[in-house]
PDB file of N, CA and C in Angstrom:
ATOM      1  N   MET A   1     123.077 275.592 -90.181  1.00  0.00           N
ATOM      2  CA  MET A   1     124.698 275.131 -90.383  1.00  0.00           C
ATOM      3  C   MET A   1     125.863 276.530 -90.740  1.00  0.00           C
ATOM      4  N   ALA A   2     125.789 276.240 -89.481  1.00  0.00           N
ATOM      5  CA  ALA A   2     127.537 277.622 -89.714  1.00  0.00           C
ATOM      6  C   ALA A   2     127.997 277.466 -90.609  1.00  0.00           C
ATOM      7  N   GLU A   3     128.587 275.954 -91.150  1.00  0.00           N
ATOM      8  CA  GLU A   3     129.428 275.972 -91.882  1.00  0.00           C
ATOM      9  C   GLU A   3     129.235 275.144 -92.584  1.00  0.00           C
ATOM     10  N   PRO A   4     129.340 275.278 -94.233  1.00  0.00           N
ATOM     11  CA  PRO A   4     129.457 273.965 -95.457  1.00  0.00           C
ATOM     12  C   PRO A   4     129.687 273.252 -94.628  1.00  0.00           C
ATOM     13  N   LEU A   5     129.792 272.057 -94.950  1.00  0.00           N
ATOM     14  CA  LEU A   5     130.281 270.641 -94.943  1.00  0.00           C
ATOM     15  C   LEU A   5     131.485 270.742 -96.096  1.00  0.00           C
ATOM     16  N   THR A   6     132.059 269.640 -96.150  1.00  0.00           N
ATOM     17  CA  THR A   6     133.467 269.642 -97.495  1.00  0.00           C
ATOM     18  C   THR A   6     132.675 268.692 -97.544  1.00  0.00           C
ATOM     19  N   GLU A   7     133.683 268.257 -99.421  1.00  0.00           N
ATOM     20  CA  GLU A   7     133.121 267.098-100.434  1.00  0.00           C
ATOM     21  C   GLU A   7     132.603 266.578 -99.498  1.00  0.00           C
ATOM     22  N   ARG A   8     134.480 265.915 -99.012  1.00  0.00           N
ATOM     23  CA  ARG A   8     134.270 265.123 -97.963  1.00  0.00           C
ATOM     24  C   ARG A   8     133.463 264.489 -97.271  1.00  0.00           C
ATOM     25  N   GLU A   9     133.252 265.383 -96.479  1.00  0.00           N
ATOM     26  CA  GLU A   9     132.238 265.033 -95.116  1.00  0.00           C
ATOM     27  C   GLU A   9     130.734 265.348 -96.013  1.00  0.00           C
ATOM     28  N   ILE A  10     130.567 265.929 -96.971  1.00  0.00           N
ATOM     29  CA  ILE A  10     129.629 264.650 -97.480  1.00  0.00           C
ATOM     30  C   ILE A  10     128.980 263.169 -98.224  1.00  0.00           C
ATOM     31  N   GLU A  11     130.552 263.137 -98.617  1.00  0.00           N
ATOM     32  CA  GLU A  11     130.767 261.306 -99.830  1.00  0.00           C
ATOM     33  C   GLU A  11     130.777 260.789 -98.114  1.00  0.00           C
ATOM     34  N   VAL A  12     131.073 261.190 -97.180  1.00  0.00           N
ATOM     35  CA  VAL A  12     130.636 260.341 -95.809  1.00  0.00           C
ATOM     36  C   VAL A  12     129.107 260.603 -95.345  1.00  0.00           C
ATOM     37  N   LEU A  13     128.583 261.808 -96.097  1.00  0.00           N
ATOM     38  CA  LEU A  13     127.475 261.215 -94.877  1.00  0.00           C
ATOM     39  C   LEU A  13     126.731 260.947 -95.329  1.00  0.00           C
ATOM     40  N   ARG A  14     126.820 260.509 -96.608  1.00  0.00           N
ATOM     41  CA  ARG A  14     125.622 259.695 -98.221  1.00  0.00           C
ATOM     42  C   ARG A  14     126.029 258.260 -98.225  1.00  0.00           C
ATOM     43  N   LEU A  15     127.416 258.564 -97.366  1.00  0.00           N
ATOM     44  CA  LEU A  15     127.086 256.664 -97.268  1.00  0.00           C
ATOM     45  C   LEU A  15     127.014 255.991 -96.065  1.00  0.00           C
ATOM     46  N   VAL A  16     127.259 257.158 -94.562  1.00  0.00           N
ATOM     47  CA  VAL A  16     126.119 257.099 -94.056  1.00  0.00           C
ATOM     48  C   VAL A  16     124.870 256.359 -94.400  1.00  0.00           C
ATOM     49  N   ALA A  17     124.154 257.409 -94.568  1.00  0.00           N
ATOM     50  CA  ALA A  17     122.507 257.374 -95.302  1.00  0.00           C
ATOM     51  C   ALA A  17     122.617 255.791 -95.854  1.00  0.00           C
ATOM     52  N   GLU A  18     123.542 255.833 -96.178  1.00  0.00           N
ATOM     53  CA  GLU A  18     123.331 253.727 -96.991  1.00  0.00           C
ATOM     54  C   GLU A  18     123.482 252.695 -96.221  1.00  0.00           C
ATOM     55  N   GLY A  19     123.559 253.419 -94.779  1.00  0.00           N
ATOM     56  CA  GLY A  19     123.638 252.499 -94.095  1.00  0.00           C
ATOM     57  C   GLY A  19     124.912 251.596 -93.487  1.00  0.00           C
ATOM     58  N   ARG A  20     126.540 251.942 -94.621  1.00  0.00           N
ATOM     59  CA  ARG A  20     127.926 251.882 -94.419  1.00  0.00           C
ATOM     60  C   ARG A  20     128.449 252.276 -92.932  1.00  0.00           C
ATOM     61  N   SER A  21     128.847 250.702 -91.865  1.00  0.00           N
ATOM     62  CA  SER A  21     130.172 251.349 -91.052  1.00  0.00           C
ATOM     63  C   SER A  21     131.435 252.073 -91.425  1.00  0.00           C
ATOM     64  N   ASN A  22     131.397 252.151 -90.071  1.00  0.00           N
ATOM     65  CA  ASN A  22     132.271 253.259 -91.141  1.00  0.00           C
ATOM     66  C   ASN A  22     133.979 252.063 -91.547  1.00  0.00           C
ATOM     67  N   ARG A  23     133.874 250.752 -90.902  1.00  0.00           N
ATOM     68  CA  ARG A  23     135.063 250.374 -91.573  1.00  0.00           C
ATOM     69  C   ARG A  23     134.439 250.518 -93.448  1.00  0.00           C
ATOM     70  N   GLU A  24     132.879 249.939 -93.940  1.00  0.00           N
ATOM     71  CA  GLU A  24     132.982 250.395 -94.991  1.00  0.00           C
ATOM     72  C   GLU A  24     133.012 251.295 -95.735  1.00  0.00           C
ATOM     73  N   ILE A  25     133.064 252.420 -94.636  1.00  0.00           N
ATOM     74  CA  ILE A  25     132.683 253.511 -95.605  1.00  0.00           C
ATOM     75  C   ILE A  25     134.593 253.797 -95.971  1.00  0.00           C
ATOM     76  N   ALA A  26     135.261 253.661 -94.513  1.00  0.00           N
ATOM     77  CA  ALA A  26     136.685 253.547 -94.925  1.00  0.00           C
ATOM     78  C   ALA A  26     137.168 253.236 -96.084  1.00  0.00           C
ATOM     79  N   ASP A  27     137.113 251.492 -96.003  1.00  0.00           N
ATOM     80  CA  ASP A  27     137.444 251.239 -97.241  1.00  0.00           C
ATOM     81  C   ASP A  27     137.189 251.820 -98.677  1.00  0.00           C
ATOM     82  N   ARG A  28     136.413 252.138 -99.004  1.00  0.00           N
ATOM     83  CA  ARG A  28     134.926 252.680 -99.714  1.00  0.00           C
ATOM     84  C   ARG A  28     135.765 253.965-100.195  1.00  0.00           C
ATOM     85  N   LEU A  29     136.767 254.692 -99.626  1.00  0.00           N
ATOM     86  CA  LEU A  29     136.686 256.155 -99.602  1.00  0.00           C
ATOM     87  C   LEU A  29     138.496 255.664 -99.557  1.00  0.00           C
ATOM     88  N   PHE A  30     138.692 254.428 -99.195  1.00  0.00           N
ATOM     89  CA  PHE A  30     140.524 255.042 -98.586  1.00  0.00           C
ATOM     90  C   PHE A  30     140.961 255.706 -97.901  1.00  0.00           C
ATOM     91  N   LEU A  31     140.219 255.536 -96.853  1.00  0.00           N
ATOM     92  CA  LEU A  31     140.150 256.377 -95.411  1.00  0.00           C
ATOM     93  C   LEU A  31     140.892 254.884 -94.300  1.00  0.00           C
ATOM     94  N   THR A  32     141.212 255.610 -93.154  1.00  0.00           N
ATOM     95  CA  THR A  32     141.813 254.513 -92.287  1.00  0.00           C
ATOM     96  C   THR A  32     139.893 255.372 -91.318  1.00  0.00           C
ATOM     97  N   PRO A  33     139.645 253.954 -90.308  1.00  0.00           N
ATOM     98  CA  PRO A  33     138.193 254.263 -89.954  1.00  0.00           C
ATOM     99  C   PRO A  33     138.547 255.605 -89.114  1.00  0.00           C
ATOM    100  N   LYS A  34     139.607 256.005 -88.478  1.00  0.00           N
ATOM    101  CA  LYS A  34     139.562 256.943 -87.375  1.00  0.00           C
ATOM    102  C   LYS A  34     140.015 258.206 -88.545  1.00  0.00           C
ATOM    103  N   THR A  35     139.875 258.258 -89.582  1.00  0.00           N
ATOM    104  CA  THR A  35     139.930 259.356 -90.456  1.00  0.00           C
ATOM    105  C   THR A  35     138.442 259.973 -90.294  1.00  0.00           C
ATOM    106  N   VAL A  36     137.289 258.540 -90.521  1.00  0.00           N
ATOM    107  CA  VAL A  36     136.291 258.347 -90.985  1.00  0.00           C
ATOM    108  C   VAL A  36     135.658 259.369 -89.419  1.00  0.00           C
ATOM    109  N   SER A  37     135.916 258.392 -88.764  1.00  0.00           N
ATOM    110  CA  SER A  37     135.385 259.030 -87.560  1.00  0.00           C
ATOM    111  C   SER A  37     135.039 260.475 -87.660  1.00  0.00           C
ATOM    112  N   HIS A  38     137.155 261.110 -87.728  1.00  0.00           N
ATOM    113  CA  HIS A  38     136.918 262.544 -87.098  1.00  0.00           C
ATOM    114  C   HIS A  38     136.172 262.994 -88.550  1.00  0.00           C
ATOM    115  N   HIS A  39     135.689 262.952 -89.815  1.00  0.00           N
ATOM    116  CA  HIS A  39     135.077 263.335 -90.167  1.00  0.00           C
ATOM    117  C   HIS A  39     133.533 263.199 -89.752  1.00  0.00           C
ATOM    118  N   LEU A  40     132.849 262.221 -89.776  1.00  0.00           N
ATOM    119  CA  LEU A  40     131.638 262.220 -88.128  1.00  0.00           C
ATOM    120  C   LEU A  40     131.440 263.230 -87.738  1.00  0.00           C
ATOM    121  N   THR A  41     132.481 263.221 -86.595  1.00  0.00           N
ATOM    122  CA  THR A  41     132.884 263.819 -85.935  1.00  0.00           C
ATOM    123  C   THR A  41     132.471 265.838 -85.608  1.00  0.00           C
ATOM    124  N   ALA A  42     133.124 266.277 -87.565  1.00  0.00           N
ATOM    125  CA  ALA A  42     132.973 267.311 -87.984  1.00  0.00           C
ATOM    126  C   ALA A  42     131.725 268.120 -88.500  1.00  0.00           C
ATOM    127  N   ILE A  43     130.726 266.390 -89.037  1.00  0.00           N
ATOM    128  CA  ILE A  43     129.558 266.487 -89.690  1.00  0.00           C
ATOM    129  C   ILE A  43     128.672 267.068 -88.258  1.00  0.00           C
ATOM    130  N   TYR A  44     128.586 266.397 -87.488  1.00  0.00           N
ATOM    131  CA  TYR A  44     127.416 266.453 -86.361  1.00  0.00           C
ATOM    132  C   TYR A  44     128.256 267.921 -85.464  1.00  0.00           C
ATOM    133  N   ALA A  45     129.154 268.238 -85.428  1.00  0.00           N
ATOM    134  CA  ALA A  45     129.457 270.082 -85.004  1.00  0.00           C
ATOM    135  C   ALA A  45     128.453 270.745 -85.749  1.00  0.00           C
ATOM    136  N   LYS A  46     129.005 270.207 -87.932  1.00  0.00           N
ATOM    137  CA  LYS A  46     128.499 271.747 -88.150  1.00  0.00           C
ATOM    138  C   LYS A  46     126.812 271.304 -88.462  1.00  0.00           C
ATOM    139  N   LEU A  47     126.825 270.116 -88.001  1.00  0.00           N
ATOM    140  CA  LEU A  47     124.992 269.815 -87.947  1.00  0.00           C
ATOM    141  C   LEU A  47     124.258 270.356 -87.751  1.00  0.00           C
ATOM    142  N   GLY A  48     124.579 269.846 -85.764  1.00  0.00           N
ATOM    143  CA  GLY A  48     123.892 270.347 -85.066  1.00  0.00           C
ATOM    144  C   GLY A  48     123.667 269.269 -84.324  1.00  0.00           C
ATOM    145  N   VAL A  49     123.931 268.001 -84.704  1.00  0.00           N
ATOM    146  CA  VAL A  49     123.436 266.849 -84.066  1.00  0.00           C
ATOM    147  C   VAL A  49     124.433 265.989 -83.389  1.00  0.00           C
ATOM    148  N   SER A  50     123.800 264.639 -82.623  1.00  0.00           N
ATOM    149  CA  SER A  50     125.135 264.371 -82.012  1.00  0.00           C
ATOM    150  C   SER A  50     125.012 262.140 -82.153  1.00  0.00           C
ATOM    151  N   ASN A  51     124.223 262.067 -83.388  1.00  0.00           N
ATOM    152  CA  ASN A  51     125.021 260.703 -83.913  1.00  0.00           C
ATOM    153  C   ASN A  51     124.295 260.099 -85.272  1.00  0.00           C
ATOM    154  N   ARG A  52     124.776 259.374 -85.532  1.00  0.00           N
ATOM    155  CA  ARG A  52     124.517 258.683 -86.921  1.00  0.00           C
ATOM    156  C   ARG A  52     122.982 258.987 -87.482  1.00  0.00           C
ATOM    157  N   ALA A  53     122.172 258.689 -86.448  1.00  0.00           N
ATOM    158  CA  ALA A  53     120.202 258.793 -87.613  1.00  0.00           C
ATOM    159  C   ALA A  53     119.946 260.336 -87.079  1.00  0.00           C
ATOM    160  N   GLU A  54     120.647 261.512 -86.998  1.00  0.00           N
ATOM    161  CA  GLU A  54     119.983 262.347 -86.250  1.00  0.00           C
ATOM    162  C   GLU A  54     121.348 263.248 -87.422  1.00  0.00           C
ATOM    163  N   ALA A  55     122.225 262.732 -88.132  1.00  0.00           N
ATOM    164  CA  ALA A  55     122.536 263.418 -88.642  1.00  0.00           C
ATOM    165  C   ALA A  55     122.419 263.408 -90.488  1.00  0.00           C
ATOM    166  N   ILE A  56     121.735 262.222 -89.950  1.00  0.00           N
ATOM    167  CA  ILE A  56     121.231 260.959 -91.432  1.00  0.00           C
ATOM    168  C   ILE A  56     119.833 262.148 -91.946  1.00  0.00           C
ATOM    169  N   ARG A  57     118.721 262.296 -90.416  1.00  0.00           N
ATOM    170  CA  ARG A  57     117.810 263.452 -90.630  1.00  0.00           C
ATOM    171  C   ARG A  57     118.076 264.392 -91.632  1.00  0.00           C
ATOM    172  N   ALA A  58     119.354 264.966 -90.490  1.00  0.00           N
ATOM    173  CA  ALA A  58     119.826 266.349 -91.265  1.00  0.00           C
ATOM    174  C   ALA A  58     120.310 266.584 -92.494  1.00  0.00           C
ATOM    175  N   ALA A  59     120.615 265.660 -92.916  1.00  0.00           N
ATOM    176  CA  ALA A  59     121.376 265.476 -94.354  1.00  0.00           C
ATOM    177  C   ALA A  59     119.455 264.990 -95.289  1.00  0.00           C
ATOM    178  N   ASP A  60     118.585 264.260 -94.156  1.00  0.00           N
ATOM    179  CA  ASP A  60     117.649 264.632 -96.638  1.00  0.00           C
ATOM    180  C   ASP A  60     116.688 266.068 -95.908  1.00  0.00           C
ATOM    181  N   ARG A  61     116.863 267.219 -95.359  1.00  0.00           N
ATOM    182  CA  ARG A  61     117.134 268.009 -94.852  1.00  0.00           C
ATOM    183  C   ARG A  61     117.701 269.556 -95.491  1.00  0.00           C
ATOM    184  N   VAL A  62     118.939 269.065 -95.742  1.00  0.00           N
ATOM    185  CA  VAL A  62     119.807 270.302 -95.393  1.00  0.00           C
ATOM    186  C   VAL A  62     120.573 269.843 -96.456  1.00  0.00           C
ATOM    187  N   ILE A  63     120.857 268.880 -96.883  1.00  0.00           N
ATOM    188  CA  ILE A  63     122.336 268.189 -97.766  1.00  0.00           C
ATOM    189  C   ILE A  63     122.077 267.988 -98.850  1.00  0.00           C
ATOM    190  N   LEU A  64     121.138 266.624 -98.747  1.00  0.00           N
ATOM    191  CA  LEU A  64     120.381 265.820 -99.420  1.00  0.00           C
ATOM    192  C   LEU A  64     118.593 265.687-100.315  1.00  0.00           C
ATOM    193  N   PRO A  65     118.677 267.196-100.709  1.00  0.00           N
ATOM    194  CA  PRO A  65     117.300 267.339-100.144  1.00  0.00           C
ATOM    195  C   PRO A  65     116.534 266.431-101.582  1.00  0.00           C
ATOM    196  N   GLY A  66     115.661 265.883-101.891  1.00  0.00           N
ATOM    197  CA  GLY A  66     115.068 265.133-103.542  1.00  0.00           C
ATOM    198  C   GLY A  66     115.452 263.422-103.094  1.00  0.00           C
ATOM    199  N   VAL A  67     116.945 263.046-102.079  1.00  0.00           N
ATOM    200  CA  VAL A  67     116.832 261.757-102.202  1.00  0.00           C
ATOM    201  C   VAL A  67     116.190 261.283-100.966  1.00  0.00           C
ATOM    202  N   SER A  68     115.589 259.804-101.251  1.00  0.00           N
ATOM    203  CA  SER A  68     115.124 259.226-100.663  1.00  0.00           C
ATOM    204  C   SER A  68     115.398 258.173 -99.834  1.00  0.00           C
ATOM    205  N   THR A  69     115.847 259.003 -97.851  1.00  0.00           N
ATOM    206  CA  THR A  69     117.476 257.743 -97.337  1.00  0.00           C
ATOM    207  C   THR A  69     116.319 256.239 -97.761  1.00  0.00           C
ATOM    208  N   ALA A  70     114.932 256.457 -97.193  1.00  0.00           N
ATOM    209  CA  ALA A  70     114.317 255.362 -97.543  1.00  0.00           C
ATOM    210  C   ALA A  70     114.303 254.467 -97.791  1.00  0.00           C
ATOM    211  N   ALA A  71     114.928 254.876 -99.355  1.00  0.00           N
ATOM    212  CA  ALA A  71     115.097 254.564-100.923  1.00  0.00           C
ATOM    213  C   ALA A  71     116.033 253.774-100.695  1.00  0.00           C
ATOM    214  N   THR A  72     117.045 254.501-100.142  1.00  0.00           N
ATOM    215  CA  THR A  72     118.800 254.233-100.393  1.00  0.00           C
ATOM    216  C   THR A  72     119.105 252.886 -99.092  1.00  0.00           C
ATOM    217  N   VAL A  73     117.907 253.269 -98.422  1.00  0.00           N
ATOM    218  CA  VAL A  73     117.813 252.171 -96.910  1.00  0.00           C
ATOM    219  C   VAL A  73     117.104 250.535 -97.155  1.00  0.00           C
ATOM    220  N   MET A  74     116.590 250.566 -98.221  1.00  0.00           N
ATOM    221  CA  MET A  74     115.440 249.497 -99.025  1.00  0.00           C
ATOM    222  C   MET A  74     117.034 248.922-100.497  1.00  0.00           C
ATOM    223  N   ARG A  75     117.871 249.609-100.233  1.00  0.00           N
ATOM    224  CA  ARG A  75     119.146 249.328-101.946  1.00  0.00           C
ATOM    225  C   ARG A  75     119.842 248.727-101.090  1.00  0.00           C
ATOM    226  N   ARG A  76     120.577 249.165-100.384  1.00  0.00           N
ATOM    227  CA  ARG A  76     121.203 248.596 -99.406  1.00  0.00           C
ATOM    228  C   ARG A  76     121.014 247.249 -98.513  1.00  0.00           C
ATOM    229  N   LEU A  77     119.336 247.018 -98.080  1.00  0.00           N
ATOM    230  CA  LEU A  77     118.913 246.158 -97.513  1.00  0.00           C
ATOM    231  C   LEU A  77     119.398 245.081 -99.017  1.00  0.00           C
ATOM    232  N   ARG A  78     118.305 244.786-100.155  1.00  0.00           N
ATOM    233  CA  ARG A  78     118.158 244.521-101.036  1.00  0.00           C
ATOM    234  C   ARG A  78     119.564 243.249-101.514  1.00  0.00           C
ATOM    235  N   GLU A  79     121.204 244.609-101.546  1.00  0.00           N
ATOM    236  CA  GLU A  79     122.020 243.807-101.593  1.00  0.00           C
ATOM    237  C   GLU A  79     123.415 243.472-100.533  1.00  0.00           C
ATOM    238  N   LEU A  80     121.976 243.125 -98.918  1.00  0.00           N
ATOM    239  CA  LEU A  80     122.700 242.497 -97.685  1.00  0.00           C
ATOM    240  C   LEU A  80     121.776 241.095 -97.482  1.00  0.00           C
ATOM    241  N   GLY A  81     121.187 240.897 -98.892  1.00  0.00           N
ATOM    242  CA  GLY A  81     119.453 239.942 -99.188  1.00  0.00           C
ATOM    243  C   GLY A  81     118.911 240.124 -97.623  1.00  0.00           C
ATOM    244  N   LEU A  82     118.453 241.103 -97.276  1.00  0.00           N
ATOM    245  CA  LEU A  82     117.787 241.179 -95.693  1.00  0.00           C
ATOM    246  C   LEU A  82     116.626 241.914 -95.695  1.00  0.00           C
ATOM    247  N   VAL A  83     115.889 241.743 -97.416  1.00  0.00           N
ATOM    248  CA  VAL A  83     114.602 242.585 -97.611  1.00  0.00           C
ATOM    249  C   VAL A  83     113.169 240.993 -96.989  1.00  0.00           C
ATOM    250  N   ASP A  84     113.836 240.302 -97.243  1.00  0.00           N
ATOM    251  CA  ASP A  84     112.802 239.262 -96.697  1.00  0.00           C
ATOM    252  C   ASP A  84     112.562 239.490 -95.357  1.00  0.00           C
ATOM    253  N   VAL A  85     113.690 239.719 -94.248  1.00  0.00           N
ATOM    254  CA  VAL A  85     113.435 239.878 -92.779  1.00  0.00           C
ATOM    255  C   VAL A  85     112.795 240.859 -92.627  1.00  0.00           C
ATOM    256  N   LEU A  86     113.099 242.078 -93.166  1.00  0.00           N
ATOM    257  CA  LEU A  86     112.218 243.688 -93.512  1.00  0.00           C
ATOM    258  C   LEU A  86     110.691 243.482 -93.204  1.00  0.00           C
ATOM    259  N   ARG A  87     110.508 242.907 -94.546  1.00  0.00           N
ATOM    260  CA  ARG A  87     109.346 242.611 -95.056  1.00  0.00           C
ATOM    261  C   ARG A  87     108.088 241.802 -93.508  1.00  0.00           C
ATOM    262  N   THR A  88     109.167 240.929 -92.986  1.00  0.00           N
ATOM    263  CA  THR A  88     108.342 240.097 -91.936  1.00  0.00           C
ATOM    264  C   THR A  88     107.993 240.486 -90.592  1.00  0.00           C
ATOM    265  N   LEU A  89     108.439 241.959 -90.891  1.00  0.00           N
ATOM    266  CA  LEU A  89     108.216 243.505 -89.690  1.00  0.00           C
ATOM    267  C   LEU A  89     107.050 243.807 -89.628  1.00  0.00           C
ATOM    268  N   GLN A  90     106.359 243.410 -91.125  1.00  0.00           N
ATOM    269  CA  GLN A  90     105.051 243.800 -91.639  1.00  0.00           C
ATOM    270  C   GLN A  90     104.817 245.595 -90.883  1.00  0.00           C
ATOM    271  N   ALA A  91     105.780 246.791 -91.989  1.00  0.00           N
ATOM    272  CA  ALA A  91     106.228 247.971 -91.543  1.00  0.00           C
ATOM    273  C   ALA A  91     106.015 248.466 -93.255  1.00  0.00           C
ATOM    274  N   PRO A  92     104.768 248.838 -93.201  1.00  0.00           N
ATOM    275  CA  PRO A  92     104.358 249.649 -94.617  1.00  0.00           C
ATOM    276  C   PRO A  92     105.152 250.749 -95.360  1.00  0.00           C
ATOM    277  N   ASP A  93     105.814 251.298 -93.528  1.00  0.00           N
ATOM    278  CA  ASP A  93     106.344 252.867 -94.274  1.00  0.00           C
ATOM    279  C   ASP A  93     107.486 252.450 -95.110  1.00  0.00           C
ATOM    280  N   LEU A  94     108.183 251.187 -94.834  1.00  0.00           N
ATOM    281  CA  LEU A  94     109.770 251.321 -95.178  1.00  0.00           C
ATOM    282  C   LEU A  94     109.900 250.167 -96.005  1.00  0.00           C
ATOM    283  N   HIS A  95     108.066 249.660 -97.081  1.00  0.00           N
ATOM    284  CA  HIS A  95     108.486 249.096 -97.829  1.00  0.00           C
ATOM    285  C   HIS A  95     108.271 249.801 -98.964  1.00  0.00           C
ATOM    286  N   GLN A  96     107.841 251.084 -99.174  1.00  0.00           N
ATOM    287  CA  GLN A  96     108.343 252.365 -99.459  1.00  0.00           C
ATOM    288  C   GLN A  96     109.397 252.121-100.040  1.00  0.00           C
ATOM    289  N   GLY A  97     109.555 252.477-102.012  1.00  0.00           N
ATOM    290  CA  GLY A  97     111.261 253.119-103.015  1.00  0.00           C
ATOM    291  C   GLY A  97     111.066 251.972-102.866  1.00  0.00           C
TER     292      GLY A  97
END
């Protein structure tokens, strides 16, 4: 990573890793969705990635070491009431966390 992420970019990236949409991130951080999009563009450039999934993987490696994205995703699915749907997929590695 050539340039470090700003505190705001890290906040945005953490919320992306939780599975939040640009609108949800904007609402949570009191920003416009367009501003969130600009932050994501900067994040992608700094991490050398081109999409959300790659940014999340990079966050696991570089920005959020020790934080389990799988656990974060499971927590978000529980909040949305989607855990039962996930269980029907029979994906054992997603049930961890």
